[in-house]
Amino acid sequence: MRSTFITVRDLELRIAEGTLPWTESVRYDTVDLILDGKNLVNWLRPHAEPGIEPPEYLGHPIGTNMTALLLGQCPEDESGRTALLGCTCTVIGCGPLLARIEVGSETVTWSHFERGPGEEYDGLELQFDRDTYMDALTRYEETT
């Protein structure tokens, strides 16, 4: 497995207006994770294992405590990884995109991306400046 380390300069939590996938008459807004102007799913595509195309994902529903989530305080699996995105069925735990979130004194790192056994994202590691990261979380919390 090759390791790919990327420094992300900007994080934005953007509200994506939408509807439930199976009932367009019911509004279902989610939170997209935008890194340097590009949706997180688009960061994954070049790092998927051969033959595996990243699925469509939905962000967390509006009302989720995104600060706790993105500080790694809401682990989804036994290895301590956090569900950054979930299945289009709207159940975050159904086929989630998992990553380990490590908050250091100067940086925040997302690593060990995985959708399920055998569906890893080839050593992708994203690193953010901690102050910039915290500013993005504060901006989001102030707008919701």
C-alpha atoms as a PDB file:
ATOM      1  CA  MET A   1       0.000   0.000   0.000  1.00  0.00           C
ATOM      2  CA  ARG A   2       1.372   3.365  -0.952  1.00  0.00           C
ATOM      3  CA  SER A   3       0.913   6.257   1.428  1.00  0.00           C
ATOM      4  CA  THR A   4      -0.442   9.577   0.207  1.00  0.00           C
ATOM      5  CA  PHE A   5      -0.091  12.544   2.543  1.00  0.00           C
ATOM      6  CA  ILE A   6      -2.013  15.671   1.555  1.00  0.00           C
ATOM      7  CA  THR A   7      -2.102  19.001   3.336  1.00  0.00           C
ATOM      8  CA  VAL A   8      -5.596  20.498   3.179  1.00  0.00           C
ATOM      9  CA  ARG A   9      -5.613  24.269   3.432  1.00  0.00           C
ATOM     10  CA  ASP A  10      -9.357  24.884   3.759  1.00  0.00           C
ATOM     11  CA  LEU A  11     -12.262  22.993   5.318  1.00  0.00           C
ATOM     12  CA  GLU A  12     -15.870  23.995   4.829  1.00  0.00           C
ATOM     13  CA  LEU A  13     -18.960  22.348   6.270  1.00  0.00           C
ATOM     14  CA  ARG A  14     -21.596  23.181   3.699  1.00  0.00           C
ATOM     15  CA  ILE A  15     -25.316  22.568   4.071  1.00  0.00           C
ATOM     16  CA  ALA A  16     -26.604  20.592   1.093  1.00  0.00           C
ATOM     17  CA  GLU A  17     -30.312  21.049   0.603  1.00  0.00           C
ATOM     18  CA  GLY A  18     -32.034  17.865  -0.455  1.00  0.00           C
ATOM     19  CA  THR A  19     -34.850  15.418  -0.069  1.00  0.00           C
ATOM     20  CA  LEU A  20     -35.107  11.838   1.112  1.00  0.00           C
ATOM     21  CA  PRO A  21     -33.828   9.608  -1.688  1.00  0.00           C
ATOM     22  CA  TRP A  22     -37.069   7.615  -1.787  1.00  0.00           C
ATOM     23  CA  THR A  23     -39.535  10.485  -1.155  1.00  0.00           C
ATOM     24  CA  GLU A  24     -38.782  13.721  -2.924  1.00  0.00           C
ATOM     25  CA  SER A  25     -41.608  15.443  -1.047  1.00  0.00           C
ATOM     26  CA  VAL A  26     -39.713  15.152   2.275  1.00  0.00           C
ATOM     27  CA  ARG A  27     -36.862  17.592   2.804  1.00  0.00           C
ATOM     28  CA  TYR A  28     -33.599  16.063   4.065  1.00  0.00           C
ATOM     29  CA  ASP A  29     -30.680  18.487   4.312  1.00  0.00           C
ATOM     30  CA  THR A  30     -27.197  17.170   5.020  1.00  0.00           C
ATOM     31  CA  VAL A  31     -23.703  18.493   5.676  1.00  0.00           C
ATOM     32  CA  ASP A  32     -21.125  18.179   2.901  1.00  0.00           C
ATOM     33  CA  LEU A  33     -17.434  18.169   3.791  1.00  0.00           C
ATOM     34  CA  ILE A  34     -15.618  20.441   1.348  1.00  0.00           C
ATOM     35  CA  LEU A  35     -11.815  20.325   1.361  1.00  0.00           C
ATOM     36  CA  ASP A  36      -9.981  22.965  -0.658  1.00  0.00           C
ATOM     37  CA  GLY A  37     -13.176  23.540  -2.632  1.00  0.00           C
ATOM     38  CA  LYS A  38     -13.719  19.852  -3.472  1.00  0.00           C
ATOM     39  CA  ASN A  39     -16.228  17.424  -1.924  1.00  0.00           C
ATOM     40  CA  LEU A  40     -14.612  14.706   0.211  1.00  0.00           C
ATOM     41  CA  VAL A  41     -15.886  11.935  -2.101  1.00  0.00           C
ATOM     42  CA  ASN A  42     -13.901  13.464  -4.965  1.00  0.00           C
ATOM     43  CA  TRP A  43     -10.740  13.252  -2.842  1.00  0.00           C
ATOM     44  CA  LEU A  44     -11.345   9.515  -2.446  1.00  0.00           C
ATOM     45  CA  ARG A  45     -11.717   8.515  -6.083  1.00  0.00           C
ATOM     46  CA  PRO A  46      -8.004   8.511  -7.010  1.00  0.00           C
ATOM     47  CA  HIS A  47      -7.161   6.518  -3.875  1.00  0.00           C
ATOM     48  CA  ALA A  48      -9.705   3.694  -4.134  1.00  0.00           C
ATOM     49  CA  GLU A  49      -8.410   0.146  -4.449  1.00  0.00           C
ATOM     50  CA  PRO A  50      -8.307  -1.051  -8.073  1.00  0.00           C
ATOM     51  CA  GLY A  51     -11.768  -2.051  -9.249  1.00  0.00           C
ATOM     52  CA  ILE A  52     -13.573  -0.252  -6.426  1.00  0.00           C
ATOM     53  CA  GLU A  53     -15.485   2.915  -7.194  1.00  0.00           C
ATOM     54  CA  PRO A  54     -16.408   4.991  -4.134  1.00  0.00           C
ATOM     55  CA  PRO A  55     -20.170   4.793  -3.674  1.00  0.00           C
ATOM     56  CA  GLU A  56     -22.490   7.723  -3.441  1.00  0.00           C
ATOM     57  CA  TYR A  57     -22.613   8.985   0.112  1.00  0.00           C
ATOM     58  CA  LEU A  58     -24.760  11.381   2.076  1.00  0.00           C
ATOM     59  CA  GLY A  59     -23.404  13.706   4.700  1.00  0.00           C
ATOM     60  CA  HIS A  60     -24.723  13.757   8.224  1.00  0.00           C
ATOM     61  CA  PRO A  61     -28.213  15.188   8.662  1.00  0.00           C
ATOM     62  CA  ILE A  62     -28.613  18.757   9.845  1.00  0.00           C
ATOM     63  CA  GLY A  63     -28.713  18.733  13.630  1.00  0.00           C
ATOM     64  CA  THR A  64     -25.748  16.372  14.016  1.00  0.00           C
ATOM     65  CA  ASN A  65     -23.117  17.691  16.422  1.00  0.00           C
ATOM     66  CA  MET A  66     -20.494  18.161  13.711  1.00  0.00           C
ATOM     67  CA  THR A  67     -17.959  19.633  16.129  1.00  0.00           C
ATOM     68  CA  ALA A  68     -17.917  16.518  18.321  1.00  0.00           C
ATOM     69  CA  LEU A  69     -17.965  14.314  15.242  1.00  0.00           C
ATOM     70  CA  LEU A  70     -15.040  16.052  13.512  1.00  0.00           C
ATOM     71  CA  LEU A  71     -13.014  16.104  16.704  1.00  0.00           C
ATOM     72  CA  GLY A  72     -13.221  12.301  16.716  1.00  0.00           C
ATOM     73  CA  GLN A  73     -15.469  12.179  19.784  1.00  0.00           C
ATOM     74  CA  CYS A  74     -18.098   9.961  18.095  1.00  0.00           C
ATOM     75  CA  PRO A  75     -16.295   6.769  17.057  1.00  0.00           C
ATOM     76  CA  GLU A  76     -18.370   4.409  14.933  1.00  0.00           C
ATOM     77  CA  ASP A  77     -16.233   1.273  15.073  1.00  0.00           C
ATOM     78  CA  GLU A  78     -14.000  -0.641  17.494  1.00  0.00           C
ATOM     79  CA  SER A  79     -10.831   0.828  15.995  1.00  0.00           C
ATOM     80  CA  GLY A  80     -11.937   4.339  16.961  1.00  0.00           C
ATOM     81  CA  ARG A  81     -12.743   5.523  13.470  1.00  0.00           C
ATOM     82  CA  THR A  82     -15.473   8.086  12.844  1.00  0.00           C
ATOM     83  CA  ALA A  83     -18.207   7.907  10.201  1.00  0.00           C
ATOM     84  CA  LEU A  84     -17.551  10.989   8.075  1.00  0.00           C
ATOM     85  CA  LEU A  85     -20.260  10.131   5.528  1.00  0.00           C
ATOM     86  CA  GLY A  86     -23.068   7.609   5.389  1.00  0.00           C
ATOM     87  CA  CYS A  87     -25.174   5.589   3.029  1.00  0.00           C
ATOM     88  CA  THR A  88     -27.764   7.136   0.740  1.00  0.00           C
ATOM     89  CA  CYS A  89     -30.400   5.217   2.728  1.00  0.00           C
ATOM     90  CA  THR A  90     -29.858   8.006   5.350  1.00  0.00           C
ATOM     91  CA  VAL A  91     -28.531   5.598   8.007  1.00  0.00           C
ATOM     92  CA  ILE A  92     -25.002   6.814   8.723  1.00  0.00           C
ATOM     93  CA  GLY A  93     -23.922   3.412  10.071  1.00  0.00           C
ATOM     94  CA  CYS A  94     -24.970   1.632   6.856  1.00  0.00           C
ATOM     95  CA  GLY A  95     -21.842   1.451   4.711  1.00  0.00           C
ATOM     96  CA  PRO A  96     -20.223   4.564   6.190  1.00  0.00           C
ATOM     97  CA  LEU A  97     -17.001   6.178   5.105  1.00  0.00           C
ATOM     98  CA  LEU A  98     -14.830   5.749   8.190  1.00  0.00           C
ATOM     99  CA  ALA A  99     -11.627   7.577   9.072  1.00  0.00           C
ATOM    100  CA  ARG A 100      -9.451   7.939  12.121  1.00  0.00           C
ATOM    101  CA  ILE A 101      -9.393  11.541  13.342  1.00  0.00           C
ATOM    102  CA  GLU A 102      -6.382  12.596  15.367  1.00  0.00           C
ATOM    103  CA  VAL A 103      -6.373  16.068  16.903  1.00  0.00           C
ATOM    104  CA  GLY A 104      -2.893  17.265  17.748  1.00  0.00           C
ATOM    105  CA  SER A 105      -1.626  20.527  19.160  1.00  0.00           C
ATOM    106  CA  GLU A 106      -0.895  21.953  15.684  1.00  0.00           C
ATOM    107  CA  THR A 107      -2.640  19.656  13.194  1.00  0.00           C
ATOM    108  CA  VAL A 108      -5.717  17.490  12.701  1.00  0.00           C
ATOM    109  CA  THR A 109      -5.256  14.334  10.649  1.00  0.00           C
ATOM    110  CA  TRP A 110      -7.795  12.106   8.919  1.00  0.00           C
ATOM    111  CA  SER A 111      -6.348   8.692   8.075  1.00  0.00           C
ATOM    112  CA  HIS A 112      -7.197   4.993   7.734  1.00  0.00           C
ATOM    113  CA  PHE A 113     -10.129   5.689   5.407  1.00  0.00           C
ATOM    114  CA  GLU A 114     -12.328   2.665   4.853  1.00  0.00           C
ATOM    115  CA  ARG A 115     -15.834   1.773   3.757  1.00  0.00           C
ATOM    116  CA  GLY A 116     -15.625  -1.876   4.723  1.00  0.00           C
ATOM    117  CA  PRO A 117     -13.156  -4.751   4.784  1.00  0.00           C
ATOM    118  CA  GLY A 118     -11.166  -4.658   1.562  1.00  0.00           C
ATOM    119  CA  GLU A 119     -12.440  -1.214   0.644  1.00  0.00           C
ATOM    120  CA  GLU A 120      -9.662   0.985   1.899  1.00  0.00           C
ATOM    121  CA  TYR A 121      -8.425   4.181   0.343  1.00  0.00           C
ATOM    122  CA  ASP A 122      -4.792   3.219  -0.179  1.00  0.00           C
ATOM    123  CA  GLY A 123      -2.977   5.075   2.569  1.00  0.00           C
ATOM    124  CA  LEU A 124      -4.739   8.400   2.058  1.00  0.00           C
ATOM    125  CA  GLU A 125      -3.940  10.800   4.877  1.00  0.00           C
ATOM    126  CA  LEU A 126      -5.337  14.323   5.007  1.00  0.00           C
ATOM    127  CA  GLN A 127      -3.819  16.867   7.353  1.00  0.00           C
ATOM    128  CA  PHE A 128      -5.286  20.217   8.379  1.00  0.00           C
ATOM    129  CA  ASP A 129      -3.841  23.137  10.315  1.00  0.00           C
ATOM    130  CA  ARG A 130      -5.574  22.860  13.707  1.00  0.00           C
ATOM    131  CA  ASP A 131      -6.479  26.567  13.945  1.00  0.00           C
ATOM    132  CA  THR A 132      -7.980  26.597  10.442  1.00  0.00           C
ATOM    133  CA  TYR A 133      -9.887  23.389  11.226  1.00  0.00           C
ATOM    134  CA  MET A 134     -11.291  24.768  14.476  1.00  0.00           C
ATOM    135  CA  ASP A 135     -12.275  28.005  12.700  1.00  0.00           C
ATOM    136  CA  ALA A 136     -14.272  25.961  10.158  1.00  0.00           C
ATOM    137  CA  LEU A 137     -16.128  24.150  12.946  1.00  0.00           C
ATOM    138  CA  THR A 138     -16.885  27.450  14.682  1.00  0.00           C
ATOM    139  CA  ARG A 139     -18.166  29.035  11.441  1.00  0.00           C
ATOM    140  CA  TYR A 140     -20.472  26.085  10.868  1.00  0.00           C
ATOM    141  CA  GLU A 141     -21.825  26.114  14.410  1.00  0.00           C
ATOM    142  CA  GLU A 142     -22.503  29.858  14.158  1.00  0.00           C
ATOM    143  CA  THR A 143     -24.557  29.417  10.978  1.00  0.00           C
ATOM    144  CA  THR A 144     -26.740  26.525  12.155  1.00  0.00           C
END
